[in-house]
Amino acid sequence: MCLAVPSEVLECDGAMATVESFGVRRQVSLMLMAEPVAVGDFLLIQAGGFALEKVDRETALATQALMAEALALEPAAS
């Protein structure tokens, strides 16, 4: 199982794109995308740096908010 992070496309250059999520920019491969990608699209990015699929803006932002909330939680005391 892997975790995919919704990220916004900032630039497209052939089979690669620059995306941003949580203030971090990175280059990702578009080779697994079945549909064209444009600046402003939101993509699910797999941990290995591959874009998997498009998601709508509302879903992407809601997912990012949930991820940020989860990352801010402190571990339970044992």
PDB file of N, CA and C in Angstrom:
ATOM      1  N   MET A   1       0.845  -1.168   0.000  1.00  0.00           N
ATOM      2  CA  MET A   1       0.000   0.000   0.000  1.00  0.00           C
ATOM      3  C   MET A   1       0.892   1.233   0.000  1.00  0.00           C
ATOM      4  N   CYS A   2       0.455   2.262  -0.731  1.00  0.00           N
ATOM      5  CA  CYS A   2       1.226   3.501  -0.723  1.00  0.00           C
ATOM      6  C   CYS A   2       0.292   4.674  -0.469  1.00  0.00           C
ATOM      7  N   LEU A   3       0.874   5.763  -0.075  1.00  0.00           N
ATOM      8  CA  LEU A   3       0.124   6.974   0.202  1.00  0.00           C
ATOM      9  C   LEU A   3       0.311   7.926  -0.964  1.00  0.00           C
ATOM     10  N   ALA A   4      -0.781   8.414  -1.534  1.00  0.00           N
ATOM     11  CA  ALA A   4      -0.714   9.388  -2.614  1.00  0.00           C
ATOM     12  C   ALA A   4      -1.147  10.743  -2.071  1.00  0.00           C
ATOM     13  N   VAL A   5      -0.385  11.769  -2.411  1.00  0.00           N
ATOM     14  CA  VAL A   5      -0.634  13.115  -1.905  1.00  0.00           C
ATOM     15  C   VAL A   5      -1.177  13.991  -3.028  1.00  0.00           C
ATOM     16  N   PRO A   6      -2.314  14.664  -2.812  1.00  0.00           N
ATOM     17  CA  PRO A   6      -2.827  15.564  -3.841  1.00  0.00           C
ATOM     18  C   PRO A   6      -1.929  16.797  -3.963  1.00  0.00           C
ATOM     19  N   SER A   7      -1.538  17.104  -5.201  1.00  0.00           N
ATOM     20  CA  SER A   7      -0.614  18.205  -5.456  1.00  0.00           C
ATOM     21  C   SER A   7      -1.082  18.989  -6.668  1.00  0.00           C
ATOM     22  N   GLU A   8      -0.821  20.305  -6.656  1.00  0.00           N
ATOM     23  CA  GLU A   8      -1.234  21.165  -7.765  1.00  0.00           C
ATOM     24  C   GLU A   8      -0.117  21.277  -8.791  1.00  0.00           C
ATOM     25  N   VAL A   9      -0.482  21.177 -10.065  1.00  0.00           N
ATOM     26  CA  VAL A   9       0.483  21.293 -11.157  1.00  0.00           C
ATOM     27  C   VAL A   9       0.828  22.768 -11.371  1.00  0.00           C
ATOM     28  N   LEU A  10       2.122  23.082 -11.304  1.00  0.00           N
ATOM     29  CA  LEU A  10       2.605  24.444 -11.529  1.00  0.00           C
ATOM     30  C   LEU A  10       3.172  24.612 -12.926  1.00  0.00           C
ATOM     31  N   GLU A  11       3.821  23.563 -13.450  1.00  0.00           N
ATOM     32  CA  GLU A  11       4.425  23.582 -14.783  1.00  0.00           C
ATOM     33  C   GLU A  11       4.361  22.186 -15.374  1.00  0.00           C
ATOM     34  N   CYS A  12       4.197  22.119 -16.696  1.00  0.00           N
ATOM     35  CA  CYS A  12       4.254  20.838 -17.414  1.00  0.00           C
ATOM     36  C   CYS A  12       5.354  20.925 -18.453  1.00  0.00           C
ATOM     37  N   ASP A  13       6.121  19.852 -18.580  1.00  0.00           N
ATOM     38  CA  ASP A  13       7.189  19.799 -19.570  1.00  0.00           C
ATOM     39  C   ASP A  13       7.280  18.377 -20.098  1.00  0.00           C
ATOM     40  N   GLY A  14       6.462  18.072 -21.093  1.00  0.00           N
ATOM     41  CA  GLY A  14       6.457  16.733 -21.668  1.00  0.00           C
ATOM     42  C   GLY A  14       5.958  15.702 -20.684  1.00  0.00           C
ATOM     43  N   ALA A  15       6.825  14.744 -20.353  1.00  0.00           N
ATOM     44  CA  ALA A  15       6.441  13.650 -19.459  1.00  0.00           C
ATOM     45  C   ALA A  15       6.709  13.973 -17.994  1.00  0.00           C
ATOM     46  N   MET A  16       7.080  15.221 -17.705  1.00  0.00           N
ATOM     47  CA  MET A  16       7.359  15.635 -16.326  1.00  0.00           C
ATOM     48  C   MET A  16       6.530  16.868 -15.977  1.00  0.00           C
ATOM     49  N   ALA A  17       6.298  17.052 -14.680  1.00  0.00           N
ATOM     50  CA  ALA A  17       5.588  18.241 -14.205  1.00  0.00           C
ATOM     51  C   ALA A  17       6.193  18.685 -12.884  1.00  0.00           C
ATOM     52  N   THR A  18       6.086  19.974 -12.619  1.00  0.00           N
ATOM     53  CA  THR A  18       6.428  20.512 -11.311  1.00  0.00           C
ATOM     54  C   THR A  18       5.121  20.678 -10.558  1.00  0.00           C
ATOM     55  N   VAL A  19       5.056  20.096  -9.364  1.00  0.00           N
ATOM     56  CA  VAL A  19       3.843  20.162  -8.549  1.00  0.00           C
ATOM     57  C   VAL A  19       4.190  20.722  -7.176  1.00  0.00           C
ATOM     58  N   GLU A  20       3.156  21.178  -6.464  1.00  0.00           N
ATOM     59  CA  GLU A  20       3.359  21.692  -5.111  1.00  0.00           C
ATOM     60  C   GLU A  20       2.284  21.157  -4.188  1.00  0.00           C
ATOM     61  N   SER A  21       2.722  20.767  -3.005  1.00  0.00           N
ATOM     62  CA  SER A  21       1.814  20.327  -1.959  1.00  0.00           C
ATOM     63  C   SER A  21       2.458  20.637  -0.617  1.00  0.00           C
ATOM     64  N   PHE A  22       1.705  21.226   0.291  1.00  0.00           N
ATOM     65  CA  PHE A  22       2.205  21.590   1.619  1.00  0.00           C
ATOM     66  C   PHE A  22       3.439  22.483   1.539  1.00  0.00           C
ATOM     67  N   GLY A  23       3.497  23.337   0.510  1.00  0.00           N
ATOM     68  CA  GLY A  23       4.606  24.266   0.355  1.00  0.00           C
ATOM     69  C   GLY A  23       5.867  23.667  -0.232  1.00  0.00           C
ATOM     70  N   VAL A  24       5.816  22.403  -0.610  1.00  0.00           N
ATOM     71  CA  VAL A  24       6.979  21.716  -1.177  1.00  0.00           C
ATOM     72  C   VAL A  24       6.762  21.506  -2.672  1.00  0.00           C
ATOM     73  N   ARG A  25       7.740  21.950  -3.457  1.00  0.00           N
ATOM     74  CA  ARG A  25       7.692  21.737  -4.908  1.00  0.00           C
ATOM     75  C   ARG A  25       8.577  20.553  -5.263  1.00  0.00           C
ATOM     76  N   ARG A  26       8.110  19.765  -6.241  1.00  0.00           N
ATOM     77  CA  ARG A  26       8.925  18.635  -6.695  1.00  0.00           C
ATOM     78  C   ARG A  26       8.584  18.296  -8.129  1.00  0.00           C
ATOM     79  N   GLN A  27       9.495  17.610  -8.777  1.00  0.00           N
ATOM     80  CA  GLN A  27       9.298  17.116 -10.137  1.00  0.00           C
ATOM     81  C   GLN A  27       8.677  15.733 -10.050  1.00  0.00           C
ATOM     82  N   VAL A  28       7.668  15.484 -10.886  1.00  0.00           N
ATOM     83  CA  VAL A  28       7.027  14.172 -10.911  1.00  0.00           C
ATOM     84  C   VAL A  28       6.881  13.702 -12.347  1.00  0.00           C
ATOM     85  N   SER A  29       6.810  12.406 -12.504  1.00  0.00           N
ATOM     86  CA  SER A  29       6.615  11.799 -13.815  1.00  0.00           C
ATOM     87  C   SER A  29       5.126  11.720 -14.135  1.00  0.00           C
ATOM     88  N   LEU A  30       4.794  12.035 -15.385  1.00  0.00           N
ATOM     89  CA  LEU A  30       3.415  11.932 -15.868  1.00  0.00           C
ATOM     90  C   LEU A  30       3.210  10.677 -16.710  1.00  0.00           C
ATOM     91  N   MET A  31       4.185   9.790 -16.740  1.00  0.00           N
ATOM     92  CA  MET A  31       4.140   8.620 -17.623  1.00  0.00           C
ATOM     93  C   MET A  31       2.967   7.690 -17.344  1.00  0.00           C
ATOM     94  N   LEU A  32       2.424   7.677 -16.126  1.00  0.00           N
ATOM     95  CA  LEU A  32       1.311   6.786 -15.796  1.00  0.00           C
ATOM     96  C   LEU A  32      -0.057   7.445 -15.987  1.00  0.00           C
ATOM     97  N   MET A  33      -0.065   8.703 -16.387  1.00  0.00           N
ATOM     98  CA  MET A  33      -1.330   9.421 -16.556  1.00  0.00           C
ATOM     99  C   MET A  33      -2.018   9.005 -17.859  1.00  0.00           C
ATOM    100  N   ALA A  34      -3.301   8.679 -17.747  1.00  0.00           N
ATOM    101  CA  ALA A  34      -4.076   8.261 -18.916  1.00  0.00           C
ATOM    102  C   ALA A  34      -4.677   9.450 -19.659  1.00  0.00           C
ATOM    103  N   GLU A  35      -4.705  10.620 -19.022  1.00  0.00           N
ATOM    104  CA  GLU A  35      -5.302  11.799 -19.642  1.00  0.00           C
ATOM    105  C   GLU A  35      -4.325  12.970 -19.590  1.00  0.00           C
ATOM    106  N   PRO A  36      -4.522  13.956 -20.463  1.00  0.00           N
ATOM    107  CA  PRO A  36      -3.623  15.116 -20.473  1.00  0.00           C
ATOM    108  C   PRO A  36      -3.658  15.881 -19.146  1.00  0.00           C
ATOM    109  N   VAL A  37      -2.542  16.517 -18.838  1.00  0.00           N
ATOM    110  CA  VAL A  37      -2.400  17.279 -17.595  1.00  0.00           C
ATOM    111  C   VAL A  37      -2.094  18.729 -17.957  1.00  0.00           C
ATOM    112  N   ALA A  38      -2.717  19.660 -17.219  1.00  0.00           N
ATOM    113  CA  ALA A  38      -2.506  21.085 -17.465  1.00  0.00           C
ATOM    114  C   ALA A  38      -2.162  21.793 -16.160  1.00  0.00           C
ATOM    115  N   VAL A  39      -1.533  22.953 -16.286  1.00  0.00           N
ATOM    116  CA  VAL A  39      -1.242  23.790 -15.124  1.00  0.00           C
ATOM    117  C   VAL A  39      -2.558  24.081 -14.404  1.00  0.00           C
ATOM    118  N   GLY A  40      -2.535  23.950 -13.079  1.00  0.00           N
ATOM    119  CA  GLY A  40      -3.731  24.176 -12.278  1.00  0.00           C
ATOM    120  C   GLY A  40      -4.475  22.904 -11.914  1.00  0.00           C
ATOM    121  N   ASP A  41      -4.187  21.808 -12.624  1.00  0.00           N
ATOM    122  CA  ASP A  41      -4.802  20.519 -12.274  1.00  0.00           C
ATOM    123  C   ASP A  41      -4.258  20.047 -10.931  1.00  0.00           C
ATOM    124  N   PHE A  42      -5.040  19.231 -10.249  1.00  0.00           N
ATOM    125  CA  PHE A  42      -4.583  18.559  -9.038  1.00  0.00           C
ATOM    126  C   PHE A  42      -4.421  17.082  -9.357  1.00  0.00           C
ATOM    127  N   LEU A  43      -3.270  16.527  -8.961  1.00  0.00           N
ATOM    128  CA  LEU A  43      -2.950  15.130  -9.231  1.00  0.00           C
ATOM    129  C   LEU A  43      -2.644  14.413  -7.928  1.00  0.00           C
ATOM    130  N   LEU A  44      -2.918  13.117  -7.904  1.00  0.00           N
ATOM    131  CA  LEU A  44      -2.467  12.285  -6.792  1.00  0.00           C
ATOM    132  C   LEU A  44      -1.059  11.824  -7.129  1.00  0.00           C
ATOM    133  N   ILE A  45      -0.112  12.129  -6.245  1.00  0.00           N
ATOM    134  CA  ILE A  45       1.294  11.794  -6.471  1.00  0.00           C
ATOM    135  C   ILE A  45       1.698  10.677  -5.525  1.00  0.00           C
ATOM    136  N   GLN A  46       2.172   9.585  -6.101  1.00  0.00           N
ATOM    137  CA  GLN A  46       2.628   8.421  -5.341  1.00  0.00           C
ATOM    138  C   GLN A  46       4.001   8.735  -4.762  1.00  0.00           C
ATOM    139  N   ALA A  47       4.338   8.101  -3.664  1.00  0.00           N
ATOM    140  CA  ALA A  47       5.590   8.379  -2.960  1.00  0.00           C
ATOM    141  C   ALA A  47       6.821   8.264  -3.857  1.00  0.00           C
ATOM    142  N   GLY A  48       6.778   7.450  -4.890  1.00  0.00           N
ATOM    143  CA  GLY A  48       7.907   7.276  -5.794  1.00  0.00           C
ATOM    144  C   GLY A  48       8.055   8.380  -6.818  1.00  0.00           C
ATOM    145  N   GLY A  49       7.131   9.359  -6.802  1.00  0.00           N
ATOM    146  CA  GLY A  49       7.252  10.482  -7.725  1.00  0.00           C
ATOM    147  C   GLY A  49       6.479  10.340  -9.016  1.00  0.00           C
ATOM    148  N   PHE A  50       5.484   9.462  -9.036  1.00  0.00           N
ATOM    149  CA  PHE A  50       4.658   9.278 -10.224  1.00  0.00           C
ATOM    150  C   PHE A  50       3.259   9.828  -9.977  1.00  0.00           C
ATOM    151  N   ALA A  51       2.751  10.600 -10.937  1.00  0.00           N
ATOM    152  CA  ALA A  51       1.364  11.056 -10.872  1.00  0.00           C
ATOM    153  C   ALA A  51       0.471   9.883 -11.263  1.00  0.00           C
ATOM    154  N   LEU A  52      -0.574   9.648 -10.470  1.00  0.00           N
ATOM    155  CA  LEU A  52      -1.451   8.499 -10.704  1.00  0.00           C
ATOM    156  C   LEU A  52      -2.761   8.869 -11.377  1.00  0.00           C
ATOM    157  N   GLU A  53      -3.396   9.962 -10.918  1.00  0.00           N
ATOM    158  CA  GLU A  53      -4.677  10.364 -11.490  1.00  0.00           C
ATOM    159  C   GLU A  53      -5.007  11.788 -11.090  1.00  0.00           C
ATOM    160  N   LYS A  54      -5.931  12.385 -11.850  1.00  0.00           N
ATOM    161  CA  LYS A  54      -6.423  13.720 -11.520  1.00  0.00           C
ATOM    162  C   LYS A  54      -7.484  13.615 -10.439  1.00  0.00           C
ATOM    163  N   VAL A  55      -7.561  14.663  -9.620  1.00  0.00           N
ATOM    164  CA  VAL A  55      -8.652  14.800  -8.659  1.00  0.00           C
ATOM    165  C   VAL A  55      -9.159  16.235  -8.768  1.00  0.00           C
ATOM    166  N   ASP A  56     -10.431  16.434  -8.423  1.00  0.00           N
ATOM    167  CA  ASP A  56     -10.963  17.792  -8.500  1.00  0.00           C
ATOM    168  C   ASP A  56     -10.397  18.635  -7.357  1.00  0.00           C
ATOM    169  N   ARG A  57     -10.400  19.936  -7.567  1.00  0.00           N
ATOM    170  CA  ARG A  57      -9.811  20.884  -6.614  1.00  0.00           C
ATOM    171  C   ARG A  57     -10.401  20.727  -5.211  1.00  0.00           C
ATOM    172  N   GLU A  58     -11.724  20.623  -5.130  1.00  0.00           N
ATOM    173  CA  GLU A  58     -12.391  20.515  -3.831  1.00  0.00           C
ATOM    174  C   GLU A  58     -11.916  19.287  -3.056  1.00  0.00           C
ATOM    175  N   THR A  59     -11.851  18.150  -3.733  1.00  0.00           N
ATOM    176  CA  THR A  59     -11.392  16.912  -3.096  1.00  0.00           C
ATOM    177  C   THR A  59      -9.929  17.026  -2.677  1.00  0.00           C
ATOM    178  N   ALA A  60      -9.102  17.604  -3.556  1.00  0.00           N
ATOM    179  CA  ALA A  60      -7.677  17.747  -3.254  1.00  0.00           C
ATOM    180  C   ALA A  60      -7.461  18.605  -2.014  1.00  0.00           C
ATOM    181  N   LEU A  61      -8.146  19.749  -1.948  1.00  0.00           N
ATOM    182  CA  LEU A  61      -7.957  20.646  -0.808  1.00  0.00           C
ATOM    183  C   LEU A  61      -8.501  20.041   0.482  1.00  0.00           C
ATOM    184  N   ALA A  62      -9.623  19.335   0.396  1.00  0.00           N
ATOM    185  CA  ALA A  62     -10.178  18.669   1.582  1.00  0.00           C
ATOM    186  C   ALA A  62      -9.229  17.582   2.081  1.00  0.00           C
ATOM    187  N   THR A  63      -8.645  16.828   1.153  1.00  0.00           N
ATOM    188  CA  THR A  63      -7.704  15.768   1.521  1.00  0.00           C
ATOM    189  C   THR A  63      -6.445  16.359   2.144  1.00  0.00           C
ATOM    190  N   GLN A  64      -5.935  17.448   1.560  1.00  0.00           N
ATOM    191  CA  GLN A  64      -4.761  18.106   2.135  1.00  0.00           C
ATOM    192  C   GLN A  64      -5.048  18.586   3.559  1.00  0.00           C
ATOM    193  N   ALA A  65      -6.241  19.117   3.786  1.00  0.00           N
ATOM    194  CA  ALA A  65      -6.602  19.591   5.126  1.00  0.00           C
ATOM    195  C   ALA A  65      -6.635  18.435   6.128  1.00  0.00           C
ATOM    196  N   LEU A  66      -7.191  17.305   5.714  1.00  0.00           N
ATOM    197  CA  LEU A  66      -7.222  16.130   6.593  1.00  0.00           C
ATOM    198  C   LEU A  66      -5.822  15.607   6.877  1.00  0.00           C
ATOM    199  N   MET A  67      -4.967  15.596   5.853  1.00  0.00           N
ATOM    200  CA  MET A  67      -3.590  15.135   6.041  1.00  0.00           C
ATOM    201  C   MET A  67      -2.845  16.065   7.001  1.00  0.00           C
ATOM    202  N   ALA A  68      -3.025  17.368   6.840  1.00  0.00           N
ATOM    203  CA  ALA A  68      -2.361  18.332   7.722  1.00  0.00           C
ATOM    204  C   ALA A  68      -2.836  18.146   9.156  1.00  0.00           C
ATOM    205  N   GLU A  69      -4.125  17.915   9.328  1.00  0.00           N
ATOM    206  CA  GLU A  69      -4.673  17.686  10.665  1.00  0.00           C
ATOM    207  C   GLU A  69      -4.092  16.413  11.280  1.00  0.00           C
ATOM    208  N   ALA A  70      -4.008  15.357  10.493  1.00  0.00           N
ATOM    209  CA  ALA A  70      -3.472  14.087  10.991  1.00  0.00           C
ATOM    210  C   ALA A  70      -1.994  14.220  11.363  1.00  0.00           C
ATOM    211  N   LEU A  71      -1.237  14.960  10.569  1.00  0.00           N
ATOM    212  CA  LEU A  71       0.192  15.124  10.846  1.00  0.00           C
ATOM    213  C   LEU A  71       0.442  15.990  12.074  1.00  0.00           C
ATOM    214  N   ALA A  72      -0.522  16.813  12.441  1.00  0.00           N
ATOM    215  CA  ALA A  72      -0.370  17.687  13.600  1.00  0.00           C
ATOM    216  C   ALA A  72      -0.686  16.973  14.912  1.00  0.00           C
ATOM    217  N   LEU A  73      -1.310  15.813  14.822  1.00  0.00           N
ATOM    218  CA  LEU A  73      -1.674  15.075  16.029  1.00  0.00           C
ATOM    219  C   LEU A  73      -0.440  14.496  16.701  1.00  0.00           C
ATOM    220  N   GLU A  74      -0.442  14.521  18.004  1.00  0.00           N
ATOM    221  CA  GLU A  74       0.648  13.907  18.755  1.00  0.00           C
ATOM    222  C   GLU A  74       0.301  12.449  19.011  1.00  0.00           C
ATOM    223  N   PRO A  75       1.303  11.571  19.035  1.00  0.00           N
ATOM    224  CA  PRO A  75       1.023  10.157  19.293  1.00  0.00           C
ATOM    225  C   PRO A  75       0.423   9.956  20.682  1.00  0.00           C
ATOM    226  N   ALA A  76      -0.438   8.976  20.786  1.00  0.00           N
ATOM    227  CA  ALA A  76      -1.065   8.658  22.075  1.00  0.00           C
ATOM    228  C   ALA A  76      -0.016   8.096  23.027  1.00  0.00           C
ATOM    229  N   ALA A  77      -0.142   8.420  24.292  1.00  0.00           N
ATOM    230  CA  ALA A  77       0.776   7.878  25.310  1.00  0.00           C
ATOM    231  C   ALA A  77       0.486   6.400  25.502  1.00  0.00           C
ATOM    232  N   SER A  78       1.542   5.618  25.691  1.00  0.00           N
ATOM    233  CA  SER A  78       1.331   4.173  25.881  1.00  0.00           C
ATOM    234  C   SER A  78       1.555   3.754  27.302  1.00  0.00           C
TER     235      SER A  78
END
